[in-house]
């Protein structure tokens, strides 16, 4: 699954069928299981934080 946030693009790979899976959280489907490595999330989190900070700074500059 490709994920794009701002200018950051990464791919989240689903677990292959037949692999060892953890029990899904309550209400979650076992077919929806996927694996995300922390190092893959860091640039996405940074992009989200940067976008939020930029949005807040724009709001402040718009206020008198």
PDB file of N, CA and C in Angstrom:
ATOM      1  N   UNK A   1       0.856  -1.163   0.000  1.00  0.00           N
ATOM      2  CA  UNK A   1       0.000   0.000   0.000  1.00  0.00           C
ATOM      3  C   UNK A   1       0.908   1.233   0.000  1.00  0.00           C
ATOM      4  N   UNK A   2       0.733   2.093  -0.963  1.00  0.00           N
ATOM      5  CA  UNK A   2       1.513   3.322  -1.034  1.00  0.00           C
ATOM      6  C   UNK A   2       0.869   4.376  -0.143  1.00  0.00           C
ATOM      7  N   UNK A   3       1.704   5.110   0.591  1.00  0.00           N
ATOM      8  CA  UNK A   3       1.223   6.150   1.486  1.00  0.00           C
ATOM      9  C   UNK A   3       1.965   7.432   1.147  1.00  0.00           C
ATOM     10  N   UNK A   4       1.231   8.524   0.939  1.00  0.00           N
ATOM     11  CA  UNK A   4       1.837   9.818   0.644  1.00  0.00           C
ATOM     12  C   UNK A   4       1.339  10.834   1.650  1.00  0.00           C
ATOM     13  N   UNK A   5       2.273  11.540   2.288  1.00  0.00           N
ATOM     14  CA  UNK A   5       1.934  12.623   3.201  1.00  0.00           C
ATOM     15  C   UNK A   5       2.841  13.786   2.830  1.00  0.00           C
ATOM     16  N   UNK A   6       2.254  14.858   2.368  1.00  0.00           N
ATOM     17  CA  UNK A   6       3.060  15.982   1.906  1.00  0.00           C
ATOM     18  C   UNK A   6       3.932  15.533   0.752  1.00  0.00           C
ATOM     19  N   UNK A   7       5.241  15.730   0.881  1.00  0.00           N
ATOM     20  CA  UNK A   7       6.177  15.328  -0.163  1.00  0.00           C
ATOM     21  C   UNK A   7       6.783  13.957   0.113  1.00  0.00           C
ATOM     22  N   UNK A   8       6.404  13.331   1.216  1.00  0.00           N
ATOM     23  CA  UNK A   8       6.975  12.040   1.602  1.00  0.00           C
ATOM     24  C   UNK A   8       6.099  10.916   1.069  1.00  0.00           C
ATOM     25  N   UNK A   9       6.730   9.965   0.387  1.00  0.00           N
ATOM     26  CA  UNK A   9       6.021   8.800  -0.145  1.00  0.00           C
ATOM     27  C   UNK A   9       6.721   7.556   0.371  1.00  0.00           C
ATOM     28  N   UNK A  10       5.969   6.600   0.864  1.00  0.00           N
ATOM     29  CA  UNK A  10       6.539   5.331   1.303  1.00  0.00           C
ATOM     30  C   UNK A  10       5.550   4.224   0.986  1.00  0.00           C
ATOM     31  N   UNK A  11       6.003   3.001   1.128  1.00  0.00           N
ATOM     32  CA  UNK A  11       5.149   1.847   0.879  1.00  0.00           C
ATOM     33  C   UNK A  11       5.050   1.035   2.154  1.00  0.00           C
ATOM     34  N   UNK A  12       3.846   0.651   2.511  1.00  0.00           N
ATOM     35  CA  UNK A  12       3.619  -0.231   3.651  1.00  0.00           C
ATOM     36  C   UNK A  12       3.262  -1.589   3.077  1.00  0.00           C
ATOM     37  N   UNK A  13       4.062  -2.587   3.400  1.00  0.00           N
ATOM     38  CA  UNK A  13       3.852  -3.919   2.845  1.00  0.00           C
ATOM     39  C   UNK A  13       2.919  -4.724   3.733  1.00  0.00           C
ATOM     40  N   UNK A  14       1.961  -5.393   3.116  1.00  0.00           N
ATOM     41  CA  UNK A  14       1.072  -6.267   3.877  1.00  0.00           C
ATOM     42  C   UNK A  14       1.793  -7.578   4.144  1.00  0.00           C
ATOM     43  N   UNK A  15       1.400  -8.250   5.211  1.00  0.00           N
ATOM     44  CA  UNK A  15       2.003  -9.537   5.542  1.00  0.00           C
ATOM     45  C   UNK A  15       1.506 -10.595   4.568  1.00  0.00           C
ATOM     46  N   UNK A  16       2.383 -11.464   4.089  1.00  0.00           N
ATOM     47  CA  UNK A  16       1.938 -12.514   3.170  1.00  0.00           C
ATOM     48  C   UNK A  16       1.024 -13.508   3.882  1.00  0.00           C
ATOM     49  N   UNK A  17       0.132 -14.136   3.121  1.00  0.00           N
ATOM     50  CA  UNK A  17      -0.765 -15.140   3.697  1.00  0.00           C
ATOM     51  C   UNK A  17       0.049 -16.299   4.260  1.00  0.00           C
ATOM     52  N   UNK A  18      -0.429 -16.856   5.357  1.00  0.00           N
ATOM     53  CA  UNK A  18       0.243 -17.999   5.961  1.00  0.00           C
ATOM     54  C   UNK A  18       1.370 -17.616   6.904  1.00  0.00           C
ATOM     55  N   UNK A  19       1.678 -16.338   7.013  1.00  0.00           N
ATOM     56  CA  UNK A  19       2.742 -15.930   7.929  1.00  0.00           C
ATOM     57  C   UNK A  19       2.183 -15.853   9.340  1.00  0.00           C
ATOM     58  N   UNK A  20       3.069 -15.857  10.304  1.00  0.00           N
ATOM     59  CA  UNK A  20       2.635 -15.757  11.697  1.00  0.00           C
ATOM     60  C   UNK A  20       2.058 -14.370  11.917  1.00  0.00           C
ATOM     61  N   UNK A  21       0.862 -14.311  12.443  1.00  0.00           N
ATOM     62  CA  UNK A  21       0.199 -13.033  12.683  1.00  0.00           C
ATOM     63  C   UNK A  21      -0.163 -12.916  14.148  1.00  0.00           C
ATOM     64  N   UNK A  22      -0.162 -11.688  14.609  1.00  0.00           N
ATOM     65  CA  UNK A  22      -0.650 -11.445  15.957  1.00  0.00           C
ATOM     66  C   UNK A  22      -2.168 -11.408  15.892  1.00  0.00           C
ATOM     67  N   UNK A  23      -2.796 -11.644  17.024  1.00  0.00           N
ATOM     68  CA  UNK A  23      -4.249 -11.560  17.070  1.00  0.00           C
ATOM     69  C   UNK A  23      -4.657 -10.117  16.794  1.00  0.00           C
ATOM     70  N   UNK A  24      -5.655  -9.901  15.948  1.00  0.00           N
ATOM     71  CA  UNK A  24      -6.095  -8.532  15.668  1.00  0.00           C
ATOM     72  C   UNK A  24      -6.739  -7.902  16.894  1.00  0.00           C
ATOM     73  N   UNK A  25      -6.659  -6.593  16.961  1.00  0.00           N
ATOM     74  CA  UNK A  25      -7.302  -5.860  18.045  1.00  0.00           C
ATOM     75  C   UNK A  25      -8.804  -6.042  17.919  1.00  0.00           C
ATOM     76  N   UNK A  26      -9.507  -5.765  18.982  1.00  0.00           N
ATOM     77  CA  UNK A  26     -10.955  -5.969  18.951  1.00  0.00           C
ATOM     78  C   UNK A  26     -11.577  -5.170  17.813  1.00  0.00           C
ATOM     79  N   UNK A  27     -12.393  -5.847  17.022  1.00  0.00           N
ATOM     80  CA  UNK A  27     -13.054  -5.200  15.905  1.00  0.00           C
ATOM     81  C   UNK A  27     -12.231  -5.141  14.640  1.00  0.00           C
ATOM     82  N   UNK A  28     -10.951  -5.506  14.691  1.00  0.00           N
ATOM     83  CA  UNK A  28     -10.097  -5.455  13.502  1.00  0.00           C
ATOM     84  C   UNK A  28     -10.148  -6.786  12.776  1.00  0.00           C
ATOM     85  N   UNK A  29     -10.080  -6.735  11.481  1.00  0.00           N
ATOM     86  CA  UNK A  29     -10.107  -7.937  10.653  1.00  0.00           C
ATOM     87  C   UNK A  29      -8.707  -8.518  10.536  1.00  0.00           C
ATOM     88  N   UNK A  30      -8.584  -9.836  10.576  1.00  0.00           N
ATOM     89  CA  UNK A  30      -7.273 -10.478  10.435  1.00  0.00           C
ATOM     90  C   UNK A  30      -6.686 -10.208   9.058  1.00  0.00           C
ATOM     91  N   UNK A  31      -7.540 -10.024   8.033  1.00  0.00           N
ATOM     92  CA  UNK A  31      -7.044  -9.742   6.691  1.00  0.00           C
ATOM     93  C   UNK A  31      -6.433  -8.353   6.590  1.00  0.00           C
ATOM     94  N   UNK A  32      -6.712  -7.488   7.545  1.00  0.00           N
ATOM     95  CA  UNK A  32      -6.215  -6.118   7.498  1.00  0.00           C
ATOM     96  C   UNK A  32      -4.845  -5.977   8.151  1.00  0.00           C
ATOM     97  N   UNK A  33      -4.240  -7.075   8.580  1.00  0.00           N
ATOM     98  CA  UNK A  33      -2.947  -6.998   9.268  1.00  0.00           C
ATOM     99  C   UNK A  33      -1.869  -6.508   8.317  1.00  0.00           C
ATOM    100  N   UNK A  34      -1.019  -5.642   8.793  1.00  0.00           N
ATOM    101  CA  UNK A  34       0.125  -5.193   8.017  1.00  0.00           C
ATOM    102  C   UNK A  34       1.262  -4.871   8.962  1.00  0.00           C
ATOM    103  N   UNK A  35       2.453  -4.797   8.415  1.00  0.00           N
ATOM    104  CA  UNK A  35       3.652  -4.570   9.207  1.00  0.00           C
ATOM    105  C   UNK A  35       4.219  -3.204   8.867  1.00  0.00           C
ATOM    106  N   UNK A  36       4.545  -2.421   9.884  1.00  0.00           N
ATOM    107  CA  UNK A  36       5.150  -1.116   9.678  1.00  0.00           C
ATOM    108  C   UNK A  36       6.393  -1.046  10.550  1.00  0.00           C
ATOM    109  N   UNK A  37       7.500  -0.715   9.935  1.00  0.00           N
ATOM    110  CA  UNK A  37       8.741  -0.546  10.686  1.00  0.00           C
ATOM    111  C   UNK A  37       8.851   0.904  11.134  1.00  0.00           C
ATOM    112  N   UNK A  38       9.344   1.108  12.342  1.00  0.00           N
ATOM    113  CA  UNK A  38       9.439   2.445  12.911  1.00  0.00           C
ATOM    114  C   UNK A  38      10.223   3.384  12.007  1.00  0.00           C
ATOM    115  N   UNK A  39      11.304   2.891  11.421  1.00  0.00           N
ATOM    116  CA  UNK A  39      12.113   3.754  10.551  1.00  0.00           C
ATOM    117  C   UNK A  39      11.333   4.194   9.310  1.00  0.00           C
ATOM    118  N   UNK A  40      10.310   3.424   8.916  1.00  0.00           N
ATOM    119  CA  UNK A  40       9.462   3.825   7.789  1.00  0.00           C
ATOM    120  C   UNK A  40       8.491   4.932   8.192  1.00  0.00           C
ATOM    121  N   UNK A  41       8.114   4.968   9.458  1.00  0.00           N
ATOM    122  CA  UNK A  41       7.144   5.960   9.921  1.00  0.00           C
ATOM    123  C   UNK A  41       7.765   7.318  10.230  1.00  0.00           C
ATOM    124  N   UNK A  42       9.042   7.356  10.576  1.00  0.00           N
ATOM    125  CA  UNK A  42       9.668   8.623  10.986  1.00  0.00           C
ATOM    126  C   UNK A  42       9.499   9.740   9.965  1.00  0.00           C
ATOM    127  N   UNK A  43       9.811   9.523   8.674  1.00  0.00           N
ATOM    128  CA  UNK A  43       9.635  10.630   7.729  1.00  0.00           C
ATOM    129  C   UNK A  43       8.174  11.045   7.567  1.00  0.00           C
ATOM    130  N   UNK A  44       7.259  10.096   7.695  1.00  0.00           N
ATOM    131  CA  UNK A  44       5.842  10.436   7.595  1.00  0.00           C
ATOM    132  C   UNK A  44       5.394  11.286   8.777  1.00  0.00           C
ATOM    133  N   UNK A  45       5.842  10.924   9.971  1.00  0.00           N
ATOM    134  CA  UNK A  45       5.485  11.691  11.166  1.00  0.00           C
ATOM    135  C   UNK A  45       6.081  13.089  11.079  1.00  0.00           C
ATOM    136  N   UNK A  46       7.332  13.184  10.632  1.00  0.00           N
ATOM    137  CA  UNK A  46       7.962  14.504  10.476  1.00  0.00           C
ATOM    138  C   UNK A  46       7.179  15.371   9.498  1.00  0.00           C
ATOM    139  N   UNK A  47       6.738  14.775   8.390  1.00  0.00           N
ATOM    140  CA  UNK A  47       5.969  15.533   7.399  1.00  0.00           C
ATOM    141  C   UNK A  47       4.646  16.011   7.989  1.00  0.00           C
ATOM    142  N   UNK A  48       3.976  15.148   8.754  1.00  0.00           N
ATOM    143  CA  UNK A  48       2.714  15.544   9.388  1.00  0.00           C
ATOM    144  C   UNK A  48       2.919  16.681  10.377  1.00  0.00           C
ATOM    145  N   UNK A  49       3.961  16.583  11.192  1.00  0.00           N
ATOM    146  CA  UNK A  49       4.245  17.625  12.180  1.00  0.00           C
ATOM    147  C   UNK A  49       4.579  18.933  11.474  1.00  0.00           C
ATOM    148  N   UNK A  50       5.401  18.867  10.422  1.00  0.00           N
ATOM    149  CA  UNK A  50       5.765  20.075   9.680  1.00  0.00           C
ATOM    150  C   UNK A  50       4.536  20.731   9.062  1.00  0.00           C
ATOM    151  N   UNK A  51       3.640  19.934   8.491  1.00  0.00           N
ATOM    152  CA  UNK A  51       2.418  20.491   7.902  1.00  0.00           C
ATOM    153  C   UNK A  51       1.541  21.147   8.959  1.00  0.00           C
ATOM    154  N   UNK A  52       1.429  20.512  10.121  1.00  0.00           N
ATOM    155  CA  UNK A  52       0.598  21.071  11.192  1.00  0.00           C
ATOM    156  C   UNK A  52       1.205  22.373  11.720  1.00  0.00           C
ATOM    157  N   UNK A  53       2.527  22.408  11.914  1.00  0.00           N
ATOM    158  CA  UNK A  53       3.179  23.638  12.378  1.00  0.00           C
ATOM    159  C   UNK A  53       3.008  24.760  11.357  1.00  0.00           C
ATOM    160  N   UNK A  54       3.165  24.431  10.088  1.00  0.00           N
ATOM    161  CA  UNK A  54       2.992  25.429   9.032  1.00  0.00           C
ATOM    162  C   UNK A  54       1.561  25.964   9.018  1.00  0.00           C
ATOM    163  N   UNK A  55       0.587  25.080   9.190  1.00  0.00           N
ATOM    164  CA  UNK A  55      -0.817  25.494   9.222  1.00  0.00           C
ATOM    165  C   UNK A  55      -1.078  26.443  10.386  1.00  0.00           C
ATOM    166  N   UNK A  56      -0.535  26.107  11.555  1.00  0.00           N
ATOM    167  CA  UNK A  56      -0.738  26.956  12.735  1.00  0.00           C
ATOM    168  C   UNK A  56      -0.062  28.309  12.574  1.00  0.00           C
ATOM    169  N   UNK A  57       1.133  28.331  11.977  1.00  0.00           N
ATOM    170  CA  UNK A  57       1.820  29.604  11.751  1.00  0.00           C
ATOM    171  C   UNK A  57       1.040  30.476  10.772  1.00  0.00           C
ATOM    172  N   UNK A  58       0.458  29.867   9.737  1.00  0.00           N
ATOM    173  CA  UNK A  58      -0.361  30.628   8.783  1.00  0.00           C
ATOM    174  C   UNK A  58      -1.587  31.209   9.481  1.00  0.00           C
ATOM    175  N   UNK A  59      -2.199  30.428  10.378  1.00  0.00           N
ATOM    176  CA  UNK A  59      -3.371  30.922  11.108  1.00  0.00           C
ATOM    177  C   UNK A  59      -2.995  32.109  11.986  1.00  0.00           C
ATOM    178  N   UNK A  60      -1.842  32.035  12.644  1.00  0.00           N
ATOM    179  CA  UNK A  60      -1.402  33.131  13.506  1.00  0.00           C
ATOM    180  C   UNK A  60      -1.151  34.392  12.694  1.00  0.00           C
ATOM    181  N   UNK A  61      -0.520  34.236  11.535  1.00  0.00           N
ATOM    182  CA  UNK A  61      -0.199  35.416  10.733  1.00  0.00           C
ATOM    183  C   UNK A  61      -1.456  36.041  10.138  1.00  0.00           C
ATOM    184  N   UNK A  62      -2.537  35.262  10.025  1.00  0.00           N
ATOM    185  CA  UNK A  62      -3.801  35.792   9.514  1.00  0.00           C
ATOM    186  C   UNK A  62      -4.563  36.585  10.575  1.00  0.00           C
ATOM    187  N   UNK A  63      -4.257  36.348  11.844  1.00  0.00           N
ATOM    188  CA  UNK A  63      -4.964  37.026  12.931  1.00  0.00           C
ATOM    189  C   UNK A  63      -4.362  38.415  13.152  1.00  0.00           C
ATOM    190  N   UNK A  64      -5.191  39.402  13.481  1.00  0.00           N
ATOM    191  CA  UNK A  64      -4.662  40.758  13.738  1.00  0.00           C
ATOM    192  C   UNK A  64      -3.922  40.836  15.052  1.00  0.00           C
TER     193      UNK A  64
END
